[in-house]
N, C-alpha and C. Protein backbone atom coordinates (compact mmCIF):
# COMPACT_ATOMS: atom_id res chain seq x y z
N MET A 1 33.58 109.12 97.85
CA MET A 1 33.20 109.42 99.21
C MET A 1 32.58 108.20 99.90
N SER A 2 31.69 107.51 99.23
CA SER A 2 31.07 106.35 99.85
C SER A 2 32.07 105.21 100.01
N MET A 3 33.11 105.20 99.20
CA MET A 3 34.13 104.15 99.31
C MET A 3 34.87 104.27 100.64
N ASN A 4 35.22 105.48 101.05
CA ASN A 4 35.90 105.67 102.32
C ASN A 4 35.01 105.32 103.50
N LEU A 5 33.74 105.66 103.41
CA LEU A 5 32.80 105.34 104.47
C LEU A 5 32.66 103.83 104.61
N SER A 6 32.62 103.14 103.49
CA SER A 6 32.50 101.68 103.51
C SER A 6 33.72 101.04 104.16
N LYS A 7 34.91 101.52 103.83
CA LYS A 7 36.13 100.96 104.42
C LYS A 7 36.17 101.22 105.92
N THR A 8 35.76 102.39 106.35
CA THR A 8 35.72 102.70 107.77
C THR A 8 34.73 101.80 108.48
N HIS A 9 33.58 101.59 107.89
CA HIS A 9 32.56 100.72 108.48
C HIS A 9 33.07 99.29 108.59
N ASP A 10 33.71 98.79 107.53
CA ASP A 10 34.23 97.43 107.55
C ASP A 10 35.32 97.29 108.60
N SER A 11 36.17 98.28 108.73
CA SER A 11 37.24 98.23 109.72
C SER A 11 36.67 98.22 111.13
N ALA A 12 35.65 99.04 111.39
CA ALA A 12 35.03 99.07 112.71
C ALA A 12 34.33 97.75 113.02
N LEU A 13 33.66 97.18 112.04
CA LEU A 13 32.99 95.90 112.24
C LEU A 13 34.01 94.79 112.48
N LEU A 14 35.10 94.83 111.75
CA LEU A 14 36.16 93.84 111.94
C LEU A 14 36.76 93.96 113.34
N LYS A 15 37.05 95.17 113.76
CA LYS A 15 37.59 95.39 115.10
C LYS A 15 36.61 94.89 116.18
N PHE A 16 35.35 95.24 116.01
CA PHE A 16 34.34 94.80 116.99
C PHE A 16 34.27 93.28 117.04
N SER A 17 34.27 92.63 115.89
CA SER A 17 34.16 91.17 115.85
C SER A 17 35.34 90.50 116.53
N ILE A 18 36.52 91.02 116.31
CA ILE A 18 37.71 90.41 116.91
C ILE A 18 37.73 90.60 118.42
N VAL A 19 37.48 91.81 118.87
CA VAL A 19 37.49 92.08 120.32
C VAL A 19 36.36 91.30 120.99
N PHE A 20 35.20 91.22 120.36
CA PHE A 20 34.07 90.46 120.91
C PHE A 20 34.44 88.98 121.05
N SER A 21 35.11 88.43 120.03
CA SER A 21 35.48 87.01 120.08
C SER A 21 36.52 86.73 121.13
N LEU A 22 37.32 87.72 121.50
CA LEU A 22 38.30 87.53 122.56
C LEU A 22 37.69 87.66 123.95
N ILE A 23 36.69 88.50 124.09
CA ILE A 23 36.10 88.77 125.41
C ILE A 23 34.99 87.79 125.78
N SER A 24 34.16 87.41 124.83
CA SER A 24 32.95 86.66 125.15
C SER A 24 33.18 85.29 125.80
N PRO A 25 34.20 84.49 125.45
CA PRO A 25 34.37 83.22 126.17
C PRO A 25 34.65 83.42 127.66
N THR A 26 35.44 84.43 127.96
CA THR A 26 35.77 84.70 129.37
C THR A 26 34.55 85.20 130.13
N VAL A 27 33.76 86.05 129.51
CA VAL A 27 32.55 86.56 130.16
C VAL A 27 31.55 85.42 130.38
N TYR A 28 31.42 84.53 129.40
CA TYR A 28 30.52 83.38 129.55
C TYR A 28 30.97 82.51 130.71
N PHE A 29 32.26 82.25 130.78
CA PHE A 29 32.81 81.43 131.86
C PHE A 29 32.53 82.08 133.23
N LEU A 30 32.78 83.37 133.34
CA LEU A 30 32.54 84.06 134.61
C LEU A 30 31.06 84.09 134.98
N ALA A 31 30.20 84.23 133.98
CA ALA A 31 28.75 84.21 134.24
C ALA A 31 28.33 82.84 134.77
N ASP A 32 28.94 81.80 134.28
CA ASP A 32 28.63 80.44 134.74
C ASP A 32 29.15 80.23 136.16
N VAL A 33 30.39 80.55 136.39
CA VAL A 33 31.02 80.27 137.68
C VAL A 33 30.40 81.10 138.81
N TYR A 34 30.11 82.36 138.55
CA TYR A 34 29.59 83.24 139.59
C TYR A 34 28.07 83.36 139.58
N LYS A 35 27.39 82.46 138.87
CA LYS A 35 25.92 82.42 138.84
C LYS A 35 25.34 83.78 138.46
N LEU A 36 25.71 84.25 137.27
CA LEU A 36 25.25 85.55 136.80
C LEU A 36 24.47 85.45 135.49
N PRO A 37 23.44 84.60 135.41
CA PRO A 37 22.66 84.61 134.18
C PRO A 37 21.77 85.85 134.12
N PHE A 38 21.56 86.34 132.93
CA PHE A 38 20.66 87.49 132.75
C PHE A 38 19.24 87.09 133.11
N LEU A 39 18.90 85.84 132.81
CA LEU A 39 17.58 85.33 133.15
C LEU A 39 17.67 83.85 133.43
N THR A 40 16.65 83.34 134.11
CA THR A 40 16.53 81.91 134.41
C THR A 40 15.21 81.43 133.83
N TYR A 41 15.28 80.33 133.09
CA TYR A 41 14.08 79.80 132.44
C TYR A 41 13.74 78.44 133.05
N PHE A 42 12.48 78.26 133.40
CA PHE A 42 11.98 76.99 133.91
C PHE A 42 11.06 76.38 132.86
N PRO A 43 11.53 75.39 132.10
CA PRO A 43 10.71 74.84 131.02
C PRO A 43 9.47 74.08 131.49
N ALA A 44 9.51 73.50 132.68
CA ALA A 44 8.35 72.74 133.16
C ALA A 44 7.14 73.63 133.40
N THR A 45 7.38 74.82 133.90
CA THR A 45 6.29 75.75 134.19
C THR A 45 6.25 76.92 133.22
N ASP A 46 7.19 76.96 132.29
CA ASP A 46 7.30 78.03 131.29
C ASP A 46 7.40 79.41 131.93
N GLU A 47 8.23 79.49 132.99
CA GLU A 47 8.43 80.74 133.71
C GLU A 47 9.82 81.29 133.41
N ILE A 48 9.92 82.62 133.37
CA ILE A 48 11.20 83.29 133.16
C ILE A 48 11.37 84.31 134.28
N TYR A 49 12.54 84.28 134.90
CA TYR A 49 12.89 85.23 135.95
C TYR A 49 14.17 85.94 135.56
N PHE A 50 14.28 87.22 135.89
CA PHE A 50 15.52 87.93 135.66
C PHE A 50 16.53 87.56 136.73
N GLY A 51 17.76 87.34 136.33
CA GLY A 51 18.81 86.96 137.26
C GLY A 51 18.77 85.48 137.58
N TRP A 52 19.53 85.11 138.60
CA TRP A 52 19.63 83.71 138.99
C TRP A 52 18.54 83.38 139.98
N LYS A 53 17.87 82.26 139.74
CA LYS A 53 16.84 81.78 140.67
C LYS A 53 17.02 80.28 140.81
N ALA A 54 17.08 79.83 142.04
CA ALA A 54 17.26 78.41 142.31
C ALA A 54 15.97 77.65 141.98
N PHE A 55 16.15 76.41 141.56
CA PHE A 55 14.97 75.60 141.26
C PHE A 55 14.39 75.04 142.55
N ASN A 56 13.10 74.70 142.49
CA ASN A 56 12.44 74.07 143.63
C ASN A 56 11.56 72.95 143.10
N GLU A 57 10.86 72.29 143.98
CA GLU A 57 10.03 71.13 143.60
C GLU A 57 8.90 71.52 142.65
N GLU A 58 8.32 72.69 142.81
CA GLU A 58 7.19 73.11 141.99
C GLU A 58 7.60 73.50 140.58
N SER A 59 8.71 74.20 140.47
CA SER A 59 9.10 74.73 139.16
C SER A 59 9.96 73.78 138.35
N GLY A 60 10.55 72.79 138.98
CA GLY A 60 11.40 71.85 138.26
C GLY A 60 12.79 72.41 138.02
N PRO A 61 13.56 71.72 137.17
CA PRO A 61 14.94 72.18 136.94
C PRO A 61 14.98 73.48 136.15
N ALA A 62 15.97 74.27 136.44
CA ALA A 62 16.13 75.57 135.77
C ALA A 62 17.12 75.45 134.63
N MET A 63 16.93 76.27 133.60
CA MET A 63 17.87 76.35 132.49
C MET A 63 18.55 77.72 132.58
N TYR A 64 19.82 77.69 132.95
CA TYR A 64 20.59 78.92 133.07
C TYR A 64 21.33 79.26 131.79
N TRP A 65 21.44 78.33 130.88
CA TRP A 65 22.23 78.49 129.67
C TRP A 65 21.80 79.71 128.86
N TYR A 66 20.51 79.91 128.71
CA TYR A 66 20.02 81.08 127.97
C TYR A 66 20.49 82.37 128.65
N GLY A 67 20.42 82.39 129.95
CA GLY A 67 20.84 83.57 130.70
C GLY A 67 22.34 83.83 130.59
N TRP A 68 23.13 82.75 130.61
CA TRP A 68 24.58 82.92 130.46
C TRP A 68 24.91 83.47 129.08
N LEU A 69 24.21 82.98 128.07
CA LEU A 69 24.45 83.49 126.72
C LEU A 69 24.09 84.97 126.61
N LEU A 70 22.96 85.36 127.19
CA LEU A 70 22.56 86.77 127.14
C LEU A 70 23.51 87.65 127.94
N THR A 71 23.95 87.17 129.09
CA THR A 71 24.92 87.93 129.88
C THR A 71 26.19 88.12 129.08
N SER A 72 26.67 87.05 128.47
CA SER A 72 27.88 87.13 127.66
C SER A 72 27.70 88.06 126.47
N LEU A 73 26.56 87.99 125.84
CA LEU A 73 26.29 88.84 124.69
C LEU A 73 26.28 90.32 125.07
N PHE A 74 25.53 90.68 126.11
CA PHE A 74 25.40 92.08 126.51
C PHE A 74 26.72 92.66 127.01
N ILE A 75 27.37 91.96 127.92
CA ILE A 75 28.61 92.48 128.50
C ILE A 75 29.72 92.53 127.46
N SER A 76 29.82 91.50 126.62
CA SER A 76 30.87 91.47 125.60
C SER A 76 30.63 92.55 124.54
N ALA A 77 29.40 92.76 124.15
CA ALA A 77 29.10 93.79 123.15
C ALA A 77 29.40 95.18 123.71
N PHE A 78 28.99 95.43 124.95
CA PHE A 78 29.25 96.74 125.55
C PHE A 78 30.75 96.97 125.74
N SER A 79 31.44 95.98 126.31
CA SER A 79 32.86 96.17 126.58
C SER A 79 33.67 96.23 125.29
N SER A 80 33.27 95.48 124.27
CA SER A 80 33.97 95.55 122.98
C SER A 80 33.80 96.93 122.36
N SER A 81 32.60 97.43 122.38
CA SER A 81 32.35 98.77 121.84
C SER A 81 33.14 99.82 122.61
N PHE A 82 33.15 99.70 123.92
CA PHE A 82 33.88 100.66 124.76
C PHE A 82 35.38 100.60 124.49
N LEU A 83 35.94 99.40 124.42
CA LEU A 83 37.38 99.27 124.18
C LEU A 83 37.78 99.80 122.82
N ILE A 84 36.97 99.55 121.82
CA ILE A 84 37.28 100.05 120.47
C ILE A 84 37.20 101.58 120.44
N TYR A 85 36.27 102.13 121.18
CA TYR A 85 36.11 103.59 121.22
C TYR A 85 37.26 104.26 121.99
N VAL A 86 37.67 103.66 123.11
CA VAL A 86 38.65 104.28 123.98
C VAL A 86 40.09 104.01 123.53
N LEU A 87 40.40 102.76 123.16
CA LEU A 87 41.77 102.40 122.82
C LEU A 87 42.02 102.53 121.33
N PRO A 88 43.18 103.04 120.96
CA PRO A 88 43.51 103.11 119.52
C PRO A 88 44.06 101.76 119.05
N LEU A 89 43.17 100.84 118.77
CA LEU A 89 43.57 99.50 118.35
C LEU A 89 43.71 99.44 116.84
N SER A 90 44.86 98.97 116.38
CA SER A 90 45.04 98.85 114.93
C SER A 90 44.45 97.52 114.46
N THR A 91 43.97 97.50 113.24
CA THR A 91 43.37 96.29 112.69
C THR A 91 44.40 95.18 112.55
N LYS A 92 45.63 95.51 112.21
CA LYS A 92 46.67 94.48 112.06
C LYS A 92 46.93 93.75 113.38
N LYS A 93 47.02 94.50 114.46
CA LYS A 93 47.25 93.87 115.77
C LYS A 93 46.06 93.01 116.18
N LEU A 94 44.88 93.50 115.90
CA LEU A 94 43.69 92.74 116.27
C LEU A 94 43.55 91.46 115.46
N VAL A 95 43.91 91.52 114.18
CA VAL A 95 43.85 90.31 113.37
C VAL A 95 44.82 89.28 113.91
N PHE A 96 46.00 89.74 114.36
CA PHE A 96 46.96 88.82 114.98
C PHE A 96 46.37 88.24 116.27
N LEU A 97 45.75 89.08 117.09
CA LEU A 97 45.16 88.61 118.34
C LEU A 97 43.96 87.68 118.13
N SER A 98 43.32 87.79 116.99
CA SER A 98 42.15 86.94 116.73
C SER A 98 42.53 85.46 116.71
N ASN A 99 43.78 85.17 116.46
CA ASN A 99 44.22 83.77 116.50
C ASN A 99 44.10 83.18 117.89
N PHE A 100 44.10 84.03 118.91
CA PHE A 100 44.04 83.54 120.28
C PHE A 100 42.62 83.32 120.79
N SER A 101 41.63 83.69 120.01
CA SER A 101 40.25 83.50 120.49
C SER A 101 39.92 82.02 120.65
N TRP A 102 40.38 81.17 119.75
CA TRP A 102 40.13 79.74 119.89
C TRP A 102 40.94 79.14 121.02
N ILE A 103 42.12 79.68 121.26
CA ILE A 103 42.92 79.20 122.38
C ILE A 103 42.21 79.49 123.69
N ALA A 104 41.63 80.67 123.82
CA ALA A 104 40.88 81.03 125.03
C ALA A 104 39.72 80.06 125.25
N ILE A 105 39.00 79.75 124.19
CA ILE A 105 37.87 78.82 124.31
C ILE A 105 38.35 77.44 124.72
N ILE A 106 39.40 76.95 124.10
CA ILE A 106 39.92 75.61 124.41
C ILE A 106 40.43 75.55 125.85
N LEU A 107 41.08 76.62 126.31
CA LEU A 107 41.58 76.63 127.68
C LEU A 107 40.45 76.68 128.71
N LEU A 108 39.32 77.27 128.36
CA LEU A 108 38.22 77.39 129.31
C LEU A 108 37.33 76.15 129.35
N ILE A 109 37.40 75.27 128.37
CA ILE A 109 36.52 74.08 128.33
C ILE A 109 36.68 73.21 129.58
N PRO A 110 37.89 72.85 130.02
CA PRO A 110 37.97 72.02 131.23
C PRO A 110 37.36 72.68 132.46
N PHE A 111 37.51 73.98 132.58
CA PHE A 111 36.93 74.69 133.73
C PHE A 111 35.40 74.70 133.66
N LEU A 112 34.85 74.85 132.45
CA LEU A 112 33.40 74.79 132.30
C LEU A 112 32.87 73.40 132.63
N ILE A 113 33.57 72.38 132.19
CA ILE A 113 33.15 71.01 132.52
C ILE A 113 33.17 70.80 134.03
N GLN A 114 34.22 71.29 134.67
CA GLN A 114 34.31 71.18 136.12
C GLN A 114 33.16 71.92 136.81
N SER A 115 32.79 73.09 136.31
CA SER A 115 31.73 73.87 136.95
C SER A 115 30.35 73.27 136.73
N LEU A 116 30.20 72.44 135.71
CA LEU A 116 28.90 71.85 135.39
C LEU A 116 28.79 70.38 135.82
N LYS A 117 29.76 69.87 136.54
CA LYS A 117 29.78 68.45 136.85
C LYS A 117 28.62 68.00 137.73
N PHE A 118 28.04 68.92 138.52
CA PHE A 118 26.92 68.51 139.37
C PHE A 118 25.68 68.16 138.55
N TYR A 119 25.61 68.57 137.29
CA TYR A 119 24.48 68.19 136.43
C TYR A 119 24.56 66.71 136.04
N TRP A 120 25.75 66.14 136.05
CA TRP A 120 25.95 64.78 135.56
C TRP A 120 26.10 63.77 136.69
N ARG A 121 25.41 63.96 137.76
CA ARG A 121 25.48 63.01 138.89
C ARG A 121 24.77 61.74 138.56
């Protein structure tokens, strides 16, 4: 009995991991481009704000990277769980699709560099 439960758990975790790896690079990219960090951190003043907040002279430069990671984590985890629950995805198909997760990341790198170019003035 516990053997079947373990296989089901492993299959669900495998499905979640694969779908998460396919969704998260795109969500991270969209969070960066559309200024959707979950939080904004100002290291000079050690302040944290929810959402996007522009930097000013008093607070210094803002770090949005933490917020983009959290946005990507939350949205990707929720959408991966939802897709696995709603769609009848087979593990074999997902393992095949997992090969494309690195392709998605590689394709998004030039766009991320373009979106961050104002930092390197």
